[in-house]
Amino acid sequence: MLKLIFCLIIFAAGVGVGIYWGVSHPSQAANVAQTEAEDTASIQAKIKQAKIDLLNKLNDDSSGTSNSDFRRMLDNEKHKLQGSDQ
């Protein structure tokens, strides 16, 4: 119980210091937020490309099989991922 209270106090202090710093240094806070947004966008693009590559690999691997529903599902998923780029 004491550990939980200590963790909550530390969490509250961190949130308070973060809010105070963001209000006191708005330009630096904006730069941090912009950097985080750019990092998030690049990571999401890498994940999306990895999914497309995996779907292409699965589609190529299943080209010899007669499971048309599986291939249709892969193609639909790939088109959804590629369509969200536009």
N, C-alpha and C. Protein backbone atom coordinates (compact mmCIF):
# COMPACT_ATOMS: atom_id res chain seq x y z
N MET A 1 0.82 -1.18 0.00
CA MET A 1 0.00 0.00 0.00
C MET A 1 0.87 1.25 0.00
N LEU A 2 1.92 1.21 0.80
CA LEU A 2 2.82 2.36 0.88
C LEU A 2 3.54 2.56 -0.45
N LYS A 3 3.86 1.45 -1.12
CA LYS A 3 4.52 1.52 -2.43
C LYS A 3 3.60 2.18 -3.45
N LEU A 4 2.32 1.85 -3.43
CA LEU A 4 1.35 2.44 -4.34
C LEU A 4 1.23 3.95 -4.11
N ILE A 5 1.14 4.35 -2.87
CA ILE A 5 1.04 5.77 -2.55
C ILE A 5 2.28 6.50 -3.02
N PHE A 6 3.45 5.91 -2.80
CA PHE A 6 4.70 6.52 -3.24
C PHE A 6 4.72 6.67 -4.77
N CYS A 7 4.27 5.65 -5.48
CA CYS A 7 4.23 5.71 -6.95
C CYS A 7 3.27 6.79 -7.43
N LEU A 8 2.13 6.92 -6.78
CA LEU A 8 1.17 7.96 -7.16
C LEU A 8 1.73 9.35 -6.91
N ILE A 9 2.45 9.53 -5.81
CA ILE A 9 3.05 10.83 -5.51
C ILE A 9 4.11 11.17 -6.55
N ILE A 10 4.95 10.21 -6.91
CA ILE A 10 5.97 10.43 -7.93
C ILE A 10 5.32 10.74 -9.28
N PHE A 11 4.27 10.03 -9.63
CA PHE A 11 3.56 10.27 -10.88
C PHE A 11 2.97 11.68 -10.90
N ALA A 12 2.32 12.07 -9.81
CA ALA A 12 1.72 13.40 -9.74
C ALA A 12 2.79 14.48 -9.83
N ALA A 13 3.92 14.27 -9.18
CA ALA A 13 5.01 15.25 -9.25
C ALA A 13 5.54 15.36 -10.68
N GLY A 14 5.68 14.25 -11.37
CA GLY A 14 6.14 14.27 -12.75
C GLY A 14 5.19 14.99 -13.68
N VAL A 15 3.90 14.74 -13.50
CA VAL A 15 2.89 15.42 -14.32
C VAL A 15 2.92 16.92 -14.02
N GLY A 16 3.02 17.28 -12.76
CA GLY A 16 3.05 18.69 -12.39
C GLY A 16 4.27 19.40 -12.96
N VAL A 17 5.43 18.78 -12.85
CA VAL A 17 6.64 19.39 -13.41
C VAL A 17 6.54 19.49 -14.93
N GLY A 18 5.99 18.48 -15.57
CA GLY A 18 5.82 18.52 -17.02
C GLY A 18 4.90 19.63 -17.47
N ILE A 19 3.80 19.80 -16.77
CA ILE A 19 2.87 20.88 -17.11
C ILE A 19 3.52 22.24 -16.87
N TYR A 20 4.19 22.38 -15.74
CA TYR A 20 4.86 23.64 -15.43
C TYR A 20 5.91 23.97 -16.50
N TRP A 21 6.72 22.97 -16.89
CA TRP A 21 7.76 23.21 -17.89
C TRP A 21 7.14 23.58 -19.23
N GLY A 22 6.05 22.90 -19.62
CA GLY A 22 5.40 23.18 -20.89
C GLY A 22 4.81 24.58 -20.94
N VAL A 23 4.28 25.05 -19.82
CA VAL A 23 3.70 26.38 -19.77
C VAL A 23 4.81 27.44 -19.73
N SER A 24 5.89 27.15 -19.02
CA SER A 24 6.99 28.12 -18.88
C SER A 24 7.87 28.20 -20.12
N HIS A 25 7.93 27.15 -20.92
CA HIS A 25 8.79 27.11 -22.11
C HIS A 25 7.97 26.64 -23.31
N PRO A 26 7.05 27.47 -23.80
CA PRO A 26 6.14 27.00 -24.87
C PRO A 26 6.85 26.70 -26.19
N SER A 27 7.88 27.45 -26.54
CA SER A 27 8.54 27.18 -27.83
C SER A 27 9.29 25.85 -27.79
N GLN A 28 9.96 25.57 -26.68
CA GLN A 28 10.66 24.29 -26.56
C GLN A 28 9.67 23.13 -26.50
N ALA A 29 8.55 23.35 -25.83
CA ALA A 29 7.53 22.31 -25.75
C ALA A 29 6.95 22.03 -27.15
N ALA A 30 6.78 23.09 -27.95
CA ALA A 30 6.28 22.90 -29.31
C ALA A 30 7.29 22.12 -30.15
N ASN A 31 8.58 22.41 -29.96
CA ASN A 31 9.61 21.67 -30.70
C ASN A 31 9.61 20.20 -30.31
N VAL A 32 9.46 19.91 -29.03
CA VAL A 32 9.41 18.52 -28.57
C VAL A 32 8.19 17.81 -29.17
N ALA A 33 7.04 18.50 -29.16
CA ALA A 33 5.83 17.90 -29.71
C ALA A 33 5.96 17.65 -31.21
N GLN A 34 6.58 18.58 -31.93
CA GLN A 34 6.77 18.41 -33.37
C GLN A 34 7.71 17.24 -33.66
N THR A 35 8.78 17.13 -32.90
CA THR A 35 9.72 16.02 -33.07
C THR A 35 9.03 14.69 -32.81
N GLU A 36 8.23 14.63 -31.76
CA GLU A 36 7.50 13.39 -31.46
C GLU A 36 6.52 13.04 -32.57
N ALA A 37 5.84 14.05 -33.13
CA ALA A 37 4.89 13.80 -34.21
C ALA A 37 5.61 13.28 -35.45
N GLU A 38 6.78 13.84 -35.77
CA GLU A 38 7.55 13.37 -36.92
C GLU A 38 8.03 11.94 -36.70
N ASP A 39 8.51 11.65 -35.50
CA ASP A 39 8.97 10.30 -35.19
C ASP A 39 7.83 9.30 -35.30
N THR A 40 6.67 9.67 -34.79
CA THR A 40 5.50 8.80 -34.84
C THR A 40 5.10 8.53 -36.28
N ALA A 41 5.11 9.58 -37.11
CA ALA A 41 4.72 9.41 -38.52
C ALA A 41 5.70 8.50 -39.25
N SER A 42 6.99 8.65 -38.98
CA SER A 42 7.97 7.79 -39.67
C SER A 42 7.85 6.34 -39.20
N ILE A 43 7.61 6.13 -37.93
CA ILE A 43 7.44 4.77 -37.42
C ILE A 43 6.19 4.13 -38.01
N GLN A 44 5.10 4.90 -38.11
CA GLN A 44 3.87 4.36 -38.70
C GLN A 44 4.08 4.01 -40.16
N ALA A 45 4.86 4.83 -40.89
CA ALA A 45 5.14 4.53 -42.30
C ALA A 45 5.96 3.25 -42.43
N LYS A 46 6.93 3.05 -41.53
CA LYS A 46 7.74 1.83 -41.56
C LYS A 46 6.89 0.61 -41.25
N ILE A 47 5.99 0.73 -40.28
CA ILE A 47 5.10 -0.39 -39.93
C ILE A 47 4.18 -0.72 -41.10
N LYS A 48 3.64 0.32 -41.74
CA LYS A 48 2.74 0.10 -42.87
C LYS A 48 3.48 -0.60 -44.01
N GLN A 49 4.72 -0.17 -44.29
CA GLN A 49 5.50 -0.80 -45.35
C GLN A 49 5.83 -2.25 -44.99
N ALA A 50 6.13 -2.50 -43.72
CA ALA A 50 6.41 -3.87 -43.30
C ALA A 50 5.18 -4.76 -43.47
N LYS A 51 4.00 -4.23 -43.18
CA LYS A 51 2.77 -5.00 -43.38
C LYS A 51 2.55 -5.30 -44.85
N ILE A 52 2.78 -4.30 -45.71
CA ILE A 52 2.61 -4.50 -47.14
C ILE A 52 3.60 -5.54 -47.64
N ASP A 53 4.85 -5.46 -47.19
CA ASP A 53 5.85 -6.46 -47.60
C ASP A 53 5.45 -7.86 -47.14
N LEU A 54 4.94 -7.98 -45.93
CA LEU A 54 4.51 -9.28 -45.42
C LEU A 54 3.32 -9.81 -46.23
N LEU A 55 2.37 -8.92 -46.54
CA LEU A 55 1.23 -9.36 -47.34
C LEU A 55 1.68 -9.79 -48.74
N ASN A 56 2.63 -9.05 -49.32
CA ASN A 56 3.15 -9.46 -50.63
C ASN A 56 3.83 -10.82 -50.54
N LYS A 57 4.59 -11.04 -49.49
CA LYS A 57 5.27 -12.33 -49.32
C LYS A 57 4.25 -13.45 -49.15
N LEU A 58 3.24 -13.21 -48.33
CA LEU A 58 2.21 -14.24 -48.14
C LEU A 58 1.45 -14.50 -49.44
N ASN A 59 1.21 -13.44 -50.19
CA ASN A 59 0.50 -13.59 -51.45
C ASN A 59 1.34 -14.37 -52.44
N ASP A 60 2.64 -14.11 -52.48
CA ASP A 60 3.53 -14.85 -53.38
C ASP A 60 3.64 -16.30 -52.95
N ASP A 61 3.71 -16.54 -51.65
CA ASP A 61 3.81 -17.91 -51.14
C ASP A 61 2.55 -18.72 -51.42
N SER A 62 1.41 -18.04 -51.45
CA SER A 62 0.14 -18.76 -51.65
C SER A 62 -0.27 -18.78 -53.11
N SER A 63 0.58 -18.31 -54.01
CA SER A 63 0.19 -18.25 -55.42
C SER A 63 -0.01 -19.65 -56.02
N GLY A 64 0.65 -20.64 -55.46
CA GLY A 64 0.49 -21.99 -55.98
C GLY A 64 -0.72 -22.71 -55.43
N THR A 65 -1.31 -22.19 -54.40
CA THR A 65 -2.45 -22.87 -53.78
C THR A 65 -3.75 -22.46 -54.45
N SER A 66 -4.79 -23.18 -54.18
CA SER A 66 -6.09 -22.88 -54.78
C SER A 66 -7.02 -22.16 -53.81
N ASN A 67 -6.45 -21.61 -52.75
CA ASN A 67 -7.27 -20.94 -51.74
C ASN A 67 -7.53 -19.50 -52.17
N SER A 68 -8.56 -19.30 -53.00
CA SER A 68 -8.82 -17.98 -53.56
C SER A 68 -9.35 -17.01 -52.50
N ASP A 69 -10.06 -17.49 -51.49
CA ASP A 69 -10.55 -16.60 -50.43
C ASP A 69 -9.40 -15.98 -49.66
N PHE A 70 -8.38 -16.78 -49.39
CA PHE A 70 -7.20 -16.27 -48.67
C PHE A 70 -6.48 -15.21 -49.51
N ARG A 71 -6.30 -15.47 -50.79
CA ARG A 71 -5.63 -14.50 -51.65
C ARG A 71 -6.46 -13.24 -51.79
N ARG A 72 -7.77 -13.36 -51.87
CA ARG A 72 -8.64 -12.20 -51.98
C ARG A 72 -8.56 -11.36 -50.71
N MET A 73 -8.51 -12.02 -49.55
CA MET A 73 -8.37 -11.30 -48.28
C MET A 73 -7.04 -10.55 -48.24
N LEU A 74 -5.95 -11.19 -48.67
CA LEU A 74 -4.64 -10.53 -48.70
C LEU A 74 -4.66 -9.33 -49.64
N ASP A 75 -5.26 -9.49 -50.81
CA ASP A 75 -5.31 -8.37 -51.75
C ASP A 75 -6.13 -7.21 -51.19
N ASN A 76 -7.25 -7.52 -50.54
CA ASN A 76 -8.07 -6.46 -49.95
C ASN A 76 -7.30 -5.72 -48.87
N GLU A 77 -6.60 -6.44 -48.03
CA GLU A 77 -5.84 -5.82 -46.96
C GLU A 77 -4.72 -4.94 -47.53
N LYS A 78 -4.06 -5.45 -48.57
CA LYS A 78 -2.98 -4.68 -49.19
C LYS A 78 -3.52 -3.40 -49.82
N HIS A 79 -4.66 -3.48 -50.47
CA HIS A 79 -5.25 -2.28 -51.08
C HIS A 79 -5.69 -1.27 -50.02
N LYS A 80 -6.18 -1.76 -48.90
CA LYS A 80 -6.55 -0.85 -47.81
C LYS A 80 -5.33 -0.11 -47.29
N LEU A 81 -4.23 -0.83 -47.10
CA LEU A 81 -3.00 -0.21 -46.61
C LEU A 81 -2.44 0.78 -47.63
N GLN A 82 -2.43 0.43 -48.88
CA GLN A 82 -1.90 1.31 -49.90
C GLN A 82 -2.84 2.48 -50.16
N GLY A 83 -4.13 2.27 -50.00
CA GLY A 83 -5.09 3.34 -50.21
C GLY A 83 -5.04 4.41 -49.13
N SER A 84 -4.59 4.06 -47.95
CA SER A 84 -4.51 5.06 -46.88
C SER A 84 -3.33 5.99 -47.05
N ASP A 85 -2.40 5.68 -47.99
CA ASP A 85 -1.27 6.57 -48.27
C ASP A 85 -1.73 7.78 -49.07
N GLN A 86 -2.81 7.63 -49.81
CA GLN A 86 -3.23 8.69 -50.72
C GLN A 86 -4.13 9.67 -50.04
